[in-house]
């Protein structure tokens, strides 16, 4: 793994939410979801009735961002990526649930979760985002600093 890939991997581990930009029959849409990563592969859950889930069912091509909330341009840092999202099941869903539960204990300890969480989780579907192009932005290294990250053939 290169130094840049390691920095991006560490960034993904340290953050929790990503914004999804999708397109469907109702047009373009953006939504923020919690995610967990397995290498550069991102997993998230959502109700299939949400607009972004309907959009993914229509066209799995999406773009995502993960970024800091900052007040000055030299602090801008984050990830931009485009790729494909799809609903998952079976062994891959089980793996995503396990990873998600490690990062978000309320999901991992469902027997101890509040009833409203249990009820909500019964209605969700699990999704995988596989980046095709991924960029790491770090304005602290220079204005507009954007580096392409090779994310194929990695975990």
Protein backbone atom coordinates (compact mmCIF):
# COMPACT_ATOMS: atom_id res chain seq x y z
CA UNK A 1 0.00 0.00 0.00
CA UNK A 2 1.40 3.41 -0.94
CA UNK A 3 1.64 6.29 1.54
CA UNK A 4 -1.30 8.04 -0.19
CA UNK A 5 -3.44 4.89 -0.06
CA UNK A 6 -2.66 4.50 3.64
CA UNK A 7 -3.62 8.14 4.35
CA UNK A 8 -6.94 7.63 2.56
CA UNK A 9 -7.55 4.33 4.35
CA UNK A 10 -6.88 6.04 7.71
CA UNK A 11 -9.18 8.93 6.73
CA UNK A 12 -11.99 6.50 5.88
CA UNK A 13 -11.58 4.72 9.21
CA UNK A 14 -11.64 8.00 11.16
CA UNK A 15 -14.84 9.38 9.59
CA UNK A 16 -18.44 8.27 9.72
CA UNK A 17 -20.67 9.95 7.16
CA UNK A 18 -20.61 10.30 3.41
CA UNK A 19 -22.80 12.23 1.05
CA UNK A 20 -24.17 10.29 -1.90
CA UNK A 21 -25.05 12.03 -5.14
CA UNK A 22 -27.38 9.91 -7.25
CA UNK A 23 -29.67 10.23 -10.25
CA UNK A 24 -33.03 8.67 -10.93
CA UNK A 25 -36.43 9.24 -12.48
CA UNK A 26 -37.01 12.25 -10.20
CA UNK A 27 -33.67 13.83 -11.12
CA UNK A 28 -30.49 14.30 -9.12
CA UNK A 29 -30.38 13.90 -5.34
CA UNK A 30 -27.90 14.09 -2.48
CA UNK A 31 -28.20 12.29 0.85
CA UNK A 32 -25.88 11.69 3.77
CA UNK A 33 -25.48 8.22 5.26
CA UNK A 34 -23.22 6.54 7.79
CA UNK A 35 -20.72 4.13 6.23
CA UNK A 36 -18.12 1.58 7.15
CA UNK A 37 -15.19 0.73 4.97
CA UNK A 38 -13.54 -2.55 4.07
CA UNK A 39 -10.43 -1.27 2.39
CA UNK A 40 -11.72 1.24 -0.14
CA UNK A 41 -15.07 -0.53 -0.48
CA UNK A 42 -17.80 1.30 1.46
CA UNK A 43 -20.92 -0.25 2.96
CA UNK A 44 -24.02 1.62 4.09
CA UNK A 45 -27.60 0.86 4.91
CA UNK A 46 -30.77 2.61 3.97
CA UNK A 47 -34.47 2.02 3.58
CA UNK A 48 -35.29 0.94 0.02
CA UNK A 49 -38.01 3.61 -0.12
CA UNK A 50 -35.59 6.53 0.23
CA UNK A 51 -34.97 8.58 -2.88
CA UNK A 52 -31.27 7.72 -3.01
CA UNK A 53 -32.04 3.98 -2.70
CA UNK A 54 -34.62 4.23 -5.49
CA UNK A 55 -32.05 6.11 -7.56
CA UNK A 56 -29.43 3.40 -6.97
CA UNK A 57 -31.96 0.76 -8.08
CA UNK A 58 -32.52 2.84 -11.24
CA UNK A 59 -28.85 3.63 -11.94
CA UNK A 60 -26.09 2.40 -9.63
CA UNK A 61 -23.62 5.04 -10.78
CA UNK A 62 -23.12 7.47 -7.89
CA UNK A 63 -20.59 9.94 -6.56
CA UNK A 64 -19.69 10.36 -2.91
CA UNK A 65 -17.88 12.85 -0.72
CA UNK A 66 -16.47 12.52 2.77
CA UNK A 67 -15.11 15.74 4.22
CA UNK A 68 -14.27 17.89 7.19
CA UNK A 69 -16.62 20.62 8.35
CA UNK A 70 -14.30 23.60 8.33
CA UNK A 71 -14.43 27.38 8.21
CA UNK A 72 -11.29 28.24 6.24
CA UNK A 73 -10.07 26.97 2.85
CA UNK A 74 -6.64 25.70 4.07
CA UNK A 75 -8.53 23.27 6.33
CA UNK A 76 -10.44 21.62 3.47
CA UNK A 77 -9.70 17.91 3.41
CA UNK A 78 -11.69 14.99 2.16
CA UNK A 79 -12.50 12.36 -0.40
CA UNK A 80 -14.32 12.60 -3.71
CA UNK A 81 -15.16 9.37 -5.53
CA UNK A 82 -17.32 8.00 -8.28
CA UNK A 83 -18.28 4.42 -8.89
CA UNK A 84 -21.11 1.98 -8.54
CA UNK A 85 -23.45 1.16 -5.70
CA UNK A 86 -25.68 -1.85 -5.43
CA UNK A 87 -27.84 -3.65 -2.93
CA UNK A 88 -26.13 -6.66 -1.37
CA UNK A 89 -27.24 -9.79 0.44
CA UNK A 90 -26.02 -13.15 1.70
CA UNK A 91 -22.47 -13.52 2.98
CA UNK A 92 -21.51 -10.03 1.85
CA UNK A 93 -24.39 -8.52 3.80
CA UNK A 94 -23.33 -10.51 6.87
CA UNK A 95 -19.79 -9.17 6.52
CA UNK A 96 -21.10 -5.60 6.12
CA UNK A 97 -23.29 -6.02 9.23
CA UNK A 98 -20.29 -7.27 11.20
CA UNK A 99 -18.08 -4.36 10.12
CA UNK A 100 -20.87 -1.87 10.71
CA UNK A 101 -21.51 -3.30 14.17
CA UNK A 102 -17.82 -2.92 15.04
CA UNK A 103 -17.90 0.76 14.08
CA UNK A 104 -21.40 1.49 15.40
CA UNK A 105 -21.96 -0.66 18.51
CA UNK A 106 -25.72 0.00 18.68
CA UNK A 107 -26.03 -1.98 15.43
CA UNK A 108 -23.58 -4.66 16.53
CA UNK A 109 -25.44 -5.23 19.79
CA UNK A 110 -28.92 -5.29 18.34
CA UNK A 111 -30.32 -7.26 21.31
CA UNK A 112 -29.44 -4.28 23.52
CA UNK A 113 -30.54 -1.58 21.07
CA UNK A 114 -33.56 0.65 21.74
CA UNK A 115 -36.77 -0.69 20.16
CA UNK A 116 -36.95 2.13 17.59
CA UNK A 117 -33.48 1.14 16.29
CA UNK A 118 -34.46 -2.53 16.06
CA UNK A 119 -37.64 -1.57 14.18
CA UNK A 120 -35.74 0.72 11.79
CA UNK A 121 -33.02 -1.86 11.08
CA UNK A 122 -35.66 -4.43 10.16
CA UNK A 123 -36.66 -2.21 7.22
CA UNK A 124 -33.25 -1.40 5.74
CA UNK A 125 -31.24 -2.85 2.89
CA UNK A 126 -27.48 -3.04 2.73
CA UNK A 127 -25.47 -1.46 -0.06
CA UNK A 128 -21.91 -1.56 -1.32
CA UNK A 129 -20.14 1.34 -3.01
CA UNK A 130 -17.17 0.32 -5.13
CA UNK A 131 -15.08 3.34 -6.19
CA UNK A 132 -13.84 3.50 -9.77
CA UNK A 133 -12.15 6.89 -9.37
CA UNK A 134 -11.15 8.26 -5.98
CA UNK A 135 -9.41 11.52 -5.08
CA UNK A 136 -7.97 12.80 -1.82
CA UNK A 137 -8.24 16.56 -1.30
CA UNK A 138 -5.90 18.22 1.19
CA UNK A 139 -5.70 22.01 1.01
CA UNK A 140 -3.26 22.05 3.94
CA UNK A 141 -0.72 20.71 1.40
CA UNK A 142 -1.58 23.49 -1.09
CA UNK A 143 -4.66 25.20 -2.46
CA UNK A 144 -6.67 22.82 -4.61
CA UNK A 145 -4.42 19.85 -3.78
CA UNK A 146 -6.23 16.82 -5.22
CA UNK A 147 -4.48 13.48 -5.67
CA UNK A 148 -5.83 10.51 -7.59
CA UNK A 149 -5.80 7.34 -5.52
CA UNK A 150 -5.33 3.93 -7.11
CA UNK A 151 -7.96 1.84 -5.37
CA UNK A 152 -8.23 -1.18 -7.67
CA UNK A 153 -6.69 -4.49 -6.67
CA UNK A 154 -6.58 -3.52 -3.00
CA UNK A 155 -8.56 -4.91 -0.10
